[in-house]
N, C-alpha and C. Protein backbone atom coordinates (compact mmCIF):
# COMPACT_ATOMS: atom_id res chain seq x y z
N MET A 1 -58.36 -1.13 -57.50
CA MET A 1 -57.81 -1.31 -56.56
C MET A 1 -56.06 -1.12 -57.09
N LYS A 2 -56.10 -1.44 -58.28
CA LYS A 2 -54.70 -1.18 -58.69
C LYS A 2 -53.87 -0.40 -57.98
N GLY A 3 -52.77 -0.02 -57.49
CA GLY A 3 -52.10 0.91 -56.80
C GLY A 3 -52.53 1.61 -55.65
N HIS A 4 -53.47 0.69 -54.82
CA HIS A 4 -53.78 0.93 -53.56
C HIS A 4 -53.28 -0.37 -52.57
N ILE A 5 -53.28 -0.06 -51.27
CA ILE A 5 -53.11 -1.49 -50.31
C ILE A 5 -54.42 -1.84 -49.92
N LEU A 6 -54.31 -3.07 -49.73
CA LEU A 6 -55.21 -3.92 -48.90
C LEU A 6 -54.75 -4.12 -47.43
N ILE A 7 -55.13 -3.99 -46.52
CA ILE A 7 -55.15 -3.93 -45.10
C ILE A 7 -56.21 -4.89 -44.51
N SER A 8 -55.38 -6.00 -43.79
CA SER A 8 -55.82 -7.31 -43.44
C SER A 8 -56.38 -6.51 -42.15
N MET A 9 -57.89 -7.22 -41.92
CA MET A 9 -58.22 -6.70 -40.79
C MET A 9 -58.00 -7.87 -39.21
N PRO A 10 -58.09 -7.55 -38.85
CA PRO A 10 -57.32 -8.21 -37.37
C PRO A 10 -57.97 -9.48 -37.23
N HIS A 11 -59.38 -10.17 -37.84
CA HIS A 11 -59.52 -11.45 -37.70
C HIS A 11 -58.89 -12.51 -38.71
N LEU A 12 -58.07 -11.73 -39.45
CA LEU A 12 -57.50 -12.74 -40.23
C LEU A 12 -55.93 -13.00 -39.69
N THR A 13 -55.92 -14.17 -39.04
CA THR A 13 -55.15 -14.51 -38.20
C THR A 13 -53.95 -15.57 -38.88
N ASP A 14 -54.11 -16.08 -40.44
CA ASP A 14 -53.29 -16.95 -40.84
C ASP A 14 -51.81 -16.24 -40.73
N LEU A 15 -51.09 -17.13 -40.96
CA LEU A 15 -49.61 -17.17 -41.06
C LEU A 15 -49.32 -16.00 -42.13
N TYR A 16 -50.01 -16.17 -43.49
CA TYR A 16 -49.68 -15.68 -44.66
C TYR A 16 -50.21 -13.71 -44.49
N PHE A 17 -51.62 -13.94 -43.89
CA PHE A 17 -52.07 -12.64 -44.57
C PHE A 17 -52.38 -11.82 -42.83
N GLY A 18 -52.07 -12.55 -41.96
CA GLY A 18 -51.88 -11.88 -40.67
C GLY A 18 -51.43 -10.38 -40.32
N ARG A 19 -52.15 -9.48 -40.18
CA ARG A 19 -51.15 -8.19 -39.99
C ARG A 19 -50.48 -7.85 -41.46
N ALA A 20 -51.28 -8.19 -42.52
CA ALA A 20 -50.60 -7.99 -43.78
C ALA A 20 -50.86 -6.56 -44.49
N LEU A 21 -50.02 -6.14 -45.19
CA LEU A 21 -50.18 -5.01 -45.88
C LEU A 21 -50.16 -5.81 -47.51
N VAL A 22 -50.91 -5.36 -48.43
CA VAL A 22 -50.91 -6.02 -49.96
C VAL A 22 -50.92 -4.97 -50.49
N PHE A 23 -49.86 -4.50 -51.70
CA PHE A 23 -50.03 -3.86 -52.34
C PHE A 23 -50.22 -4.01 -53.78
N ILE A 24 -51.70 -3.97 -54.60
CA ILE A 24 -52.22 -4.44 -55.49
C ILE A 24 -51.46 -4.03 -56.85
N CYS A 25 -50.95 -4.81 -57.61
CA CYS A 25 -50.04 -4.66 -58.90
C CYS A 25 -51.17 -4.86 -59.94
N GLU A 26 -52.05 -5.48 -59.81
CA GLU A 26 -53.13 -5.72 -61.02
C GLU A 26 -54.34 -6.28 -60.45
N HIS A 27 -55.43 -5.74 -60.98
CA HIS A 27 -56.83 -5.84 -60.61
C HIS A 27 -57.89 -5.73 -61.84
N ASP A 28 -58.49 -6.65 -62.31
CA ASP A 28 -59.18 -6.90 -63.66
C ASP A 28 -60.35 -7.71 -63.45
N GLU A 29 -60.86 -8.28 -64.50
CA GLU A 29 -61.94 -9.06 -64.44
C GLU A 29 -61.71 -10.27 -64.24
N ASN A 30 -60.31 -10.82 -64.08
CA ASN A 30 -59.89 -12.10 -64.32
C ASN A 30 -59.28 -12.44 -62.88
N GLY A 31 -59.13 -11.55 -62.02
CA GLY A 31 -58.44 -11.81 -60.53
C GLY A 31 -57.55 -10.61 -60.16
N ALA A 32 -56.66 -10.79 -59.18
CA ALA A 32 -55.89 -9.57 -58.48
C ALA A 32 -54.56 -10.27 -58.32
N MET A 33 -53.73 -9.50 -58.20
CA MET A 33 -52.05 -9.74 -57.87
C MET A 33 -51.78 -8.70 -57.13
N GLY A 34 -51.03 -9.01 -55.65
CA GLY A 34 -50.28 -8.33 -54.94
C GLY A 34 -49.37 -8.57 -54.57
N LEU A 35 -48.28 -7.69 -53.59
CA LEU A 35 -47.16 -8.07 -53.18
C LEU A 35 -47.57 -7.55 -51.56
N ILE A 36 -47.33 -8.61 -50.92
CA ILE A 36 -47.20 -8.14 -49.56
C ILE A 36 -45.93 -7.30 -48.95
N ILE A 37 -46.37 -6.12 -48.45
CA ILE A 37 -45.20 -5.03 -48.54
C ILE A 37 -44.49 -4.79 -47.04
N ASN A 38 -44.93 -5.46 -45.89
CA ASN A 38 -44.59 -5.47 -44.77
C ASN A 38 -44.09 -6.48 -44.00
N LYS A 39 -43.72 -7.47 -44.73
CA LYS A 39 -43.22 -8.59 -44.09
C LYS A 39 -41.74 -9.11 -45.04
N SER A 40 -40.54 -9.06 -44.04
CA SER A 40 -39.30 -9.60 -44.56
C SER A 40 -38.90 -10.82 -44.01
N PHE A 41 -38.16 -11.32 -45.01
CA PHE A 41 -37.61 -13.12 -44.35
C PHE A 41 -37.09 -13.01 -42.89
N GLU A 42 -36.77 -11.90 -42.48
CA GLU A 42 -36.21 -11.68 -41.17
C GLU A 42 -37.07 -11.61 -39.99
N ASP A 43 -38.25 -11.29 -40.26
CA ASP A 43 -39.28 -11.26 -39.88
C ASP A 43 -39.53 -12.58 -38.70
N GLU A 44 -40.14 -12.65 -37.54
CA GLU A 44 -40.39 -13.73 -36.72
C GLU A 44 -41.67 -14.71 -37.42
N SER A 45 -42.61 -13.92 -37.66
CA SER A 45 -44.07 -14.37 -38.33
C SER A 45 -43.57 -15.16 -39.74
N VAL A 46 -42.77 -14.73 -40.63
CA VAL A 46 -42.27 -15.09 -41.62
C VAL A 46 -41.35 -16.71 -41.52
N LYS A 47 -40.56 -16.12 -40.58
CA LYS A 47 -39.87 -17.45 -39.86
C LYS A 47 -40.78 -18.63 -39.67
N GLN A 48 -41.78 -18.26 -38.90
CA GLN A 48 -42.58 -19.35 -38.68
C GLN A 48 -42.99 -20.10 -39.71
N ILE A 49 -43.35 -19.40 -40.89
CA ILE A 49 -43.90 -20.25 -41.86
C ILE A 49 -42.71 -20.91 -42.54
N PHE A 50 -41.78 -20.59 -42.82
CA PHE A 50 -40.59 -20.91 -43.76
C PHE A 50 -39.53 -21.36 -42.62
N PRO A 51 -39.60 -22.44 -41.78
CA PRO A 51 -38.40 -22.46 -40.62
C PRO A 51 -37.09 -22.96 -41.37
N THR A 52 -37.08 -23.49 -42.60
CA THR A 52 -35.99 -23.69 -43.00
C THR A 52 -35.65 -23.47 -44.10
N LEU A 53 -36.17 -22.08 -44.66
CA LEU A 53 -35.91 -21.28 -46.00
C LEU A 53 -34.82 -20.58 -45.74
N ILE A 54 -33.96 -20.64 -46.38
CA ILE A 54 -32.55 -19.82 -46.40
C ILE A 54 -32.77 -19.08 -47.97
N VAL A 55 -32.73 -17.64 -47.62
CA VAL A 55 -32.50 -16.74 -48.39
C VAL A 55 -31.34 -16.02 -48.67
N ASN A 56 -30.55 -16.52 -49.74
CA ASN A 56 -28.90 -16.10 -49.60
C ASN A 56 -28.55 -16.45 -50.97
N ASP A 57 -28.73 -15.15 -51.64
CA ASP A 57 -28.08 -14.85 -52.84
C ASP A 57 -26.90 -13.59 -52.57
N ASP A 58 -25.81 -14.09 -52.23
CA ASP A 58 -25.08 -12.85 -51.70
C ASP A 58 -24.78 -11.42 -52.83
N ALA A 59 -24.67 -11.99 -54.32
CA ALA A 59 -24.66 -10.83 -55.09
C ALA A 59 -25.99 -9.87 -55.07
N ILE A 60 -27.23 -10.44 -54.67
CA ILE A 60 -28.38 -9.59 -54.49
C ILE A 60 -28.72 -9.10 -53.04
N SER A 61 -27.91 -9.90 -52.06
CA SER A 61 -28.11 -9.22 -50.66
C SER A 61 -27.42 -8.16 -50.29
N GLU A 62 -26.02 -8.29 -51.17
CA GLU A 62 -25.20 -7.25 -50.39
C GLU A 62 -25.96 -5.82 -51.32
N ILE A 63 -26.60 -5.83 -51.86
CA ILE A 63 -27.37 -4.55 -52.68
C ILE A 63 -28.72 -4.54 -52.11
N ILE A 64 -29.42 -5.52 -51.86
CA ILE A 64 -30.92 -5.57 -51.63
C ILE A 64 -31.00 -6.36 -50.50
N SER A 65 -31.22 -5.36 -49.38
CA SER A 65 -31.74 -6.16 -47.99
C SER A 65 -32.50 -5.49 -47.17
N PRO A 66 -33.39 -5.74 -46.83
CA PRO A 66 -33.86 -7.11 -46.39
C PRO A 66 -34.78 -7.66 -47.71
N MET A 67 -34.81 -9.16 -48.00
CA MET A 67 -35.97 -9.75 -48.86
C MET A 67 -36.80 -9.80 -48.40
N HIS A 68 -38.26 -9.46 -49.09
CA HIS A 68 -39.38 -9.34 -48.40
C HIS A 68 -40.41 -10.91 -48.91
N PHE A 69 -41.23 -11.15 -48.33
CA PHE A 69 -42.23 -12.07 -48.45
C PHE A 69 -43.38 -11.45 -49.32
N GLY A 70 -43.34 -11.64 -50.48
CA GLY A 70 -44.38 -10.89 -51.20
C GLY A 70 -45.80 -11.50 -51.21
N GLY A 71 -45.37 -12.92 -51.03
CA GLY A 71 -46.84 -13.67 -50.88
C GLY A 71 -46.61 -15.42 -51.08
N PRO A 72 -47.41 -16.02 -50.96
CA PRO A 72 -47.72 -17.62 -51.15
C PRO A 72 -47.34 -18.39 -52.49
N VAL A 73 -47.46 -17.55 -53.60
CA VAL A 73 -47.46 -17.88 -54.71
C VAL A 73 -46.16 -17.77 -55.66
N GLU A 74 -45.74 -18.73 -56.14
CA GLU A 74 -44.33 -18.91 -56.80
C GLU A 74 -43.24 -18.15 -55.88
N LEU A 75 -43.20 -18.68 -54.82
CA LEU A 75 -42.26 -18.10 -53.76
C LEU A 75 -40.85 -18.05 -54.54
N GLU A 76 -40.24 -19.07 -55.56
CA GLU A 76 -39.45 -19.14 -56.20
C GLU A 76 -39.02 -17.85 -57.10
N ARG A 77 -40.10 -17.00 -57.31
CA ARG A 77 -40.12 -15.96 -58.21
C ARG A 77 -39.84 -14.67 -57.59
N GLY A 78 -38.95 -13.59 -58.06
CA GLY A 78 -38.63 -12.38 -57.42
C GLY A 78 -39.13 -11.54 -58.46
N PHE A 79 -39.68 -10.49 -57.47
CA PHE A 79 -40.15 -9.32 -58.08
C PHE A 79 -39.36 -8.02 -57.26
N LEU A 80 -39.27 -7.00 -58.17
CA LEU A 80 -38.68 -5.58 -57.89
C LEU A 80 -40.10 -4.50 -57.75
N LEU A 81 -40.83 -4.05 -56.81
CA LEU A 81 -41.49 -3.19 -56.74
C LEU A 81 -40.78 -1.90 -56.70
N HIS A 82 -40.94 -1.15 -57.42
CA HIS A 82 -39.99 0.15 -57.36
C HIS A 82 -40.69 1.75 -57.89
N SER A 83 -40.11 2.76 -57.53
CA SER A 83 -40.30 3.99 -58.18
C SER A 83 -40.38 3.95 -59.50
N SER A 84 -41.03 4.77 -60.34
CA SER A 84 -41.26 4.72 -61.41
C SER A 84 -40.17 5.60 -62.16
N ASP A 85 -39.13 6.13 -61.72
CA ASP A 85 -38.00 6.76 -62.08
C ASP A 85 -36.91 5.59 -62.90
N PHE A 86 -37.37 4.18 -63.21
CA PHE A 86 -36.67 3.35 -63.88
C PHE A 86 -37.70 2.60 -64.83
N LEU A 87 -37.44 2.59 -66.23
CA LEU A 87 -38.09 1.48 -66.60
C LEU A 87 -37.41 0.85 -67.60
N THR A 88 -37.65 -0.33 -68.02
CA THR A 88 -37.22 -0.98 -69.07
C THR A 88 -38.22 -1.75 -69.79
N ASP A 89 -38.01 -2.88 -71.01
CA ASP A 89 -39.34 -2.97 -72.06
C ASP A 89 -39.88 -3.88 -70.96
N ASP A 90 -39.37 -4.61 -69.95
CA ASP A 90 -39.78 -5.42 -69.01
C ASP A 90 -40.84 -4.97 -68.04
N THR A 91 -40.24 -3.58 -67.91
CA THR A 91 -40.97 -2.98 -66.77
C THR A 91 -42.48 -2.85 -67.04
N ILE A 92 -43.37 -3.27 -65.70
CA ILE A 92 -45.13 -3.07 -65.69
C ILE A 92 -44.79 -1.55 -64.95
N GLN A 93 -45.75 -0.61 -65.48
CA GLN A 93 -46.17 0.57 -64.68
C GLN A 93 -47.21 0.14 -64.15
N ILE A 94 -47.16 0.21 -62.88
CA ILE A 94 -48.38 0.06 -62.00
C ILE A 94 -49.24 1.68 -62.34
N ASN A 95 -48.49 2.88 -61.90
CA ASN A 95 -49.04 4.12 -61.93
C ASN A 95 -48.12 4.93 -62.05
N ASP A 96 -48.14 6.60 -61.71
CA ASP A 96 -47.22 7.33 -61.90
C ASP A 96 -46.19 7.31 -60.97
N ASP A 97 -46.56 6.34 -59.56
CA ASP A 97 -45.64 6.32 -58.64
C ASP A 97 -44.77 5.02 -58.69
N PHE A 98 -45.23 3.79 -59.00
CA PHE A 98 -45.00 2.22 -58.85
C PHE A 98 -44.77 1.75 -60.17
N SER A 99 -44.05 1.05 -60.24
CA SER A 99 -43.30 0.05 -61.18
C SER A 99 -43.29 -1.52 -60.58
N LEU A 100 -43.02 -2.12 -61.62
CA LEU A 100 -42.77 -3.65 -61.04
C LEU A 100 -41.73 -4.28 -62.16
N THR A 101 -40.57 -4.77 -61.92
CA THR A 101 -39.64 -5.56 -62.78
C THR A 101 -39.13 -6.72 -62.01
N SER A 102 -39.36 -7.61 -62.89
CA SER A 102 -39.12 -8.92 -62.51
C SER A 102 -37.84 -9.64 -63.68
N ASN A 103 -36.68 -8.89 -63.71
CA ASN A 103 -35.43 -9.56 -64.74
C ASN A 103 -34.08 -8.87 -63.86
N SER A 104 -33.18 -9.70 -64.61
CA SER A 104 -32.18 -9.19 -63.93
C SER A 104 -31.39 -7.67 -64.17
N THR A 105 -31.85 -7.15 -65.41
CA THR A 105 -31.68 -5.76 -65.66
C THR A 105 -31.88 -5.03 -64.48
N ILE A 106 -32.80 -4.95 -63.96
CA ILE A 106 -32.85 -4.05 -62.63
C ILE A 106 -31.99 -4.10 -61.59
N ILE A 107 -31.42 -5.50 -61.42
CA ILE A 107 -30.23 -5.69 -60.29
C ILE A 107 -29.28 -4.73 -60.97
N ASP A 108 -28.57 -5.26 -61.91
CA ASP A 108 -27.60 -4.71 -62.52
C ASP A 108 -27.53 -3.19 -62.47
N ALA A 109 -28.61 -2.54 -62.73
CA ALA A 109 -28.90 -1.05 -62.56
C ALA A 109 -28.64 -0.85 -61.33
N ILE A 110 -29.17 -1.30 -60.44
CA ILE A 110 -29.03 -0.78 -59.03
C ILE A 110 -27.80 -0.85 -58.47
N LYS A 111 -26.97 -2.05 -59.05
CA LYS A 111 -25.59 -2.37 -58.71
C LYS A 111 -24.76 -1.18 -59.29
N THR A 112 -25.06 -0.31 -60.47
CA THR A 112 -23.94 0.34 -60.74
C THR A 112 -24.84 1.90 -60.43
N GLY A 113 -25.68 1.86 -59.58
CA GLY A 113 -26.51 3.72 -59.23
C GLY A 113 -27.35 3.80 -60.26
N ASP A 114 -27.63 3.09 -61.25
CA ASP A 114 -28.63 3.78 -62.34
C ASP A 114 -29.91 3.00 -62.26
N GLY A 115 -30.18 2.59 -60.71
CA GLY A 115 -31.62 1.82 -60.87
C GLY A 115 -32.40 2.94 -60.32
N PRO A 116 -33.54 2.18 -59.74
CA PRO A 116 -34.89 3.18 -59.13
C PRO A 116 -34.06 3.53 -58.01
N GLN A 117 -34.79 4.89 -57.71
CA GLN A 117 -34.19 5.51 -56.31
C GLN A 117 -35.01 4.76 -54.96
N HIS A 118 -36.18 4.27 -55.29
CA HIS A 118 -36.79 3.27 -54.31
C HIS A 118 -36.95 2.12 -54.48
N PHE A 119 -36.87 0.84 -53.94
CA PHE A 119 -37.68 -0.49 -54.23
C PHE A 119 -37.22 -1.37 -52.93
N LYS A 120 -38.15 -2.23 -53.28
CA LYS A 120 -38.39 -3.31 -52.47
C LYS A 120 -38.26 -4.92 -53.24
N MET A 121 -37.49 -5.58 -52.74
CA MET A 121 -37.21 -7.17 -53.47
C MET A 121 -38.00 -8.17 -52.70
N MET A 122 -39.14 -8.65 -53.64
CA MET A 122 -39.80 -9.57 -52.89
C MET A 122 -39.70 -10.76 -53.67
N LEU A 123 -40.13 -12.09 -53.08
CA LEU A 123 -40.26 -13.34 -53.31
C LEU A 123 -41.55 -13.88 -53.09
N GLY A 124 -42.24 -14.08 -54.33
CA GLY A 124 -43.40 -14.29 -54.02
C GLY A 124 -44.43 -13.54 -54.51
N TYR A 125 -45.76 -13.47 -54.57
CA TYR A 125 -46.79 -12.89 -54.77
C TYR A 125 -48.24 -13.32 -54.17
N ALA A 126 -48.81 -12.40 -53.75
CA ALA A 126 -50.57 -12.82 -53.56
C ALA A 126 -51.56 -12.78 -54.93
N GLY A 127 -52.46 -14.01 -55.03
CA GLY A 127 -53.25 -13.64 -55.94
C GLY A 127 -54.61 -14.62 -55.77
N TRP A 128 -55.75 -13.84 -56.37
CA TRP A 128 -56.69 -14.02 -56.36
C TRP A 128 -57.39 -14.27 -57.72
N GLY A 129 -58.51 -15.67 -57.79
CA GLY A 129 -59.14 -15.49 -58.76
C GLY A 129 -60.32 -14.78 -58.88
N ILE A 130 -60.93 -14.88 -60.03
CA ILE A 130 -61.89 -14.09 -60.53
C ILE A 130 -63.12 -13.96 -59.19
N GLY A 131 -63.14 -12.61 -58.80
CA GLY A 131 -64.04 -12.30 -58.23
C GLY A 131 -63.75 -12.78 -56.35
N GLN A 132 -62.73 -13.30 -56.37
CA GLN A 132 -62.59 -13.52 -55.09
C GLN A 132 -62.16 -12.77 -54.20
N LEU A 133 -61.23 -11.76 -54.30
CA LEU A 133 -60.89 -10.40 -53.35
C LEU A 133 -61.85 -9.89 -53.17
N GLU A 134 -62.86 -9.76 -54.11
CA GLU A 134 -64.27 -8.80 -53.92
C GLU A 134 -64.91 -9.72 -53.25
N ARG A 135 -65.14 -10.68 -53.18
CA ARG A 135 -66.10 -11.52 -51.93
C ARG A 135 -64.95 -11.39 -50.67
N GLU A 136 -63.63 -11.37 -50.58
CA GLU A 136 -63.23 -11.42 -49.53
C GLU A 136 -63.18 -9.92 -49.01
N ILE A 137 -63.55 -8.93 -49.61
CA ILE A 137 -63.47 -7.67 -49.23
C ILE A 137 -64.96 -7.20 -48.50
N GLU A 138 -66.27 -8.01 -49.52
CA GLU A 138 -67.24 -7.85 -48.90
C GLU A 138 -67.58 -8.82 -47.77
N ASN A 139 -66.64 -9.83 -47.05
CA ASN A 139 -66.39 -10.48 -46.22
C ASN A 139 -65.86 -9.56 -45.09
N GLY A 140 -65.52 -8.56 -45.17
CA GLY A 140 -64.84 -7.78 -44.02
C GLY A 140 -63.49 -7.96 -43.81
N ASP A 141 -63.01 -9.02 -44.55
CA ASP A 141 -61.33 -9.53 -44.53
C ASP A 141 -60.40 -8.18 -44.83
N TRP A 142 -60.56 -7.37 -45.60
CA TRP A 142 -59.59 -6.33 -46.04
C TRP A 142 -60.53 -4.98 -46.10
N LEU A 143 -59.81 -3.98 -46.06
CA LEU A 143 -60.22 -2.53 -46.25
C LEU A 143 -59.12 -2.37 -47.30
N PHE A 144 -59.12 -1.25 -48.24
CA PHE A 144 -57.95 -0.65 -49.02
C PHE A 144 -58.02 0.78 -49.22
N GLN A 145 -57.12 1.21 -49.32
CA GLN A 145 -56.84 2.56 -49.29
C GLN A 145 -55.57 3.09 -50.23
N GLU A 146 -55.64 4.54 -50.60
CA GLU A 146 -54.60 4.80 -51.45
C GLU A 146 -53.24 4.69 -50.80
N VAL A 147 -52.37 4.53 -51.28
CA VAL A 147 -50.79 4.60 -50.74
C VAL A 147 -49.93 5.76 -51.43
N THR A 148 -48.96 6.15 -50.63
CA THR A 148 -47.83 6.86 -51.02
C THR A 148 -46.71 5.78 -51.48
N PRO A 149 -45.71 6.74 -52.36
CA PRO A 149 -44.29 6.11 -52.22
C PRO A 149 -43.72 6.11 -51.06
N GLU A 150 -43.65 7.22 -49.87
CA GLU A 150 -43.11 6.96 -48.65
C GLU A 150 -43.71 6.14 -47.71
N PHE A 151 -44.77 5.81 -47.78
CA PHE A 151 -45.16 4.72 -47.15
C PHE A 151 -44.72 3.45 -47.35
N ILE A 152 -44.72 3.10 -48.51
CA ILE A 152 -44.31 1.43 -49.08
C ILE A 152 -42.56 1.61 -48.99
N PHE A 153 -41.98 2.84 -49.04
CA PHE A 153 -40.14 2.33 -49.37
C PHE A 153 -39.79 3.03 -47.95
N GLN A 154 -40.38 3.75 -46.97
CA GLN A 154 -39.57 3.96 -46.15
C GLN A 154 -40.17 3.95 -44.70
N GLY A 155 -39.79 3.92 -43.33
CA GLY A 155 -40.36 3.58 -42.21
C GLY A 155 -40.36 2.13 -41.72
N ASN A 156 -40.67 2.33 -40.63
CA ASN A 156 -40.22 1.11 -39.76
C ASN A 156 -41.42 0.21 -40.58
N GLU A 157 -41.35 -1.23 -41.19
CA GLU A 157 -42.19 -2.03 -41.41
C GLU A 157 -43.43 -2.71 -40.23
N SER A 158 -42.58 -2.78 -39.27
CA SER A 158 -43.36 -3.59 -38.06
C SER A 158 -44.46 -3.00 -37.64
N GLU A 159 -44.15 -1.33 -37.96
CA GLU A 159 -45.53 -0.51 -37.41
C GLU A 159 -46.28 -0.16 -38.44
N LYS A 160 -46.22 -0.56 -39.85
CA LYS A 160 -47.05 0.16 -41.02
C LYS A 160 -48.54 -0.62 -40.86
N TRP A 161 -48.60 -1.51 -40.45
CA TRP A 161 -49.84 -2.28 -40.52
C TRP A 161 -51.00 -1.61 -39.09
N LEU A 162 -50.14 -1.30 -38.39
CA LEU A 162 -50.69 -0.70 -37.10
C LEU A 162 -51.13 0.66 -37.59
N SER A 163 -50.16 1.63 -38.23
CA SER A 163 -50.21 2.68 -38.80
C SER A 163 -51.46 2.86 -39.62
N ALA A 164 -51.35 2.08 -40.84
CA ALA A 164 -52.64 1.56 -41.74
C ALA A 164 -54.06 1.54 -41.27
N THR A 165 -54.50 0.77 -40.36
CA THR A 165 -55.43 0.59 -39.81
C THR A 165 -56.03 1.55 -38.80
N GLN A 166 -55.27 2.40 -38.35
CA GLN A 166 -55.41 3.54 -37.47
C GLN A 166 -55.74 4.61 -38.46
N SER A 167 -55.55 4.70 -39.37
CA SER A 167 -55.82 5.87 -40.44
C SER A 167 -57.28 5.71 -40.61
N PHE A 168 -57.75 4.50 -40.24
CA PHE A 168 -59.15 4.41 -40.61
C PHE A 168 -60.03 4.54 -39.37
N GLY A 169 -59.49 4.85 -38.43
CA GLY A 169 -60.02 5.08 -37.10
C GLY A 169 -60.03 3.68 -36.39
N ILE A 170 -59.37 2.69 -36.78
CA ILE A 170 -59.49 1.56 -36.04
C ILE A 170 -58.37 1.28 -35.14
N ASN A 171 -59.20 1.17 -33.74
CA ASN A 171 -58.29 1.08 -32.42
C ASN A 171 -57.79 -0.35 -32.29
N ILE A 172 -56.62 -0.75 -32.31
CA ILE A 172 -56.18 -2.00 -31.97
C ILE A 172 -55.62 -2.34 -30.80
N SER A 173 -56.05 -3.25 -30.09
CA SER A 173 -55.48 -3.35 -28.87
C SER A 173 -53.88 -3.73 -28.97
N PRO A 174 -52.91 -3.33 -28.54
CA PRO A 174 -51.68 -3.77 -28.42
C PRO A 174 -51.18 -5.08 -28.09
N ALA A 175 -51.94 -5.34 -26.62
CA ALA A 175 -51.60 -6.28 -26.19
C ALA A 175 -52.27 -7.83 -27.09
N THR A 176 -53.36 -7.70 -28.04
CA THR A 176 -53.91 -8.93 -28.54
C THR A 176 -53.99 -8.70 -30.01
N GLY A 177 -53.63 -7.32 -30.38
CA GLY A 177 -53.55 -7.22 -32.02
C GLY A 177 -55.00 -6.99 -32.34
N GLY A 178 -55.96 -7.42 -31.39
CA GLY A 178 -57.47 -7.33 -31.86
C GLY A 178 -58.21 -6.11 -31.72
N LEU A 179 -59.46 -5.53 -32.04
CA LEU A 179 -59.88 -4.81 -32.06
C LEU A 179 -60.19 -4.43 -30.30
N ALA A 180 -59.97 -3.16 -29.97
CA ALA A 180 -60.17 -2.81 -28.61
C ALA A 180 -61.41 -1.88 -28.40
């Protein structure tokens, strides 16, 4: 599933993963790690989870905005999901299109115009233990599909979940957010 997205199903209504799209960065026999790509800290749903959280690093926010909620694990840790046109010794290349960097070198490169063409800054990540994600997929909590850089880095984030569900032919009721 590495390099694909998980699409949460309408019955997942918790504040973290309701209407979430999770980009899978790592998936092996030890579990999985991913980043929620469609929820920024400016979203009302995220503000409900963290009503007192202030994401305010002027040095970063002037070049990277909005900051995204990557998931509930290690919220104090920052990750940049980015196009693979930028690599450092610490960059993890996920596939030909996507890489992950979690150090200040990439911030400096973005400031000088030498960074990746496309990127999203995330705080926190989503994690699954051994077999946990597979059980959730078997339970019908998630669908997964291939994804393009354009889908991840461009477009209106508030419409991405609906677009992803509709790509499977799932008809979501606009009034309730559930199956129609």
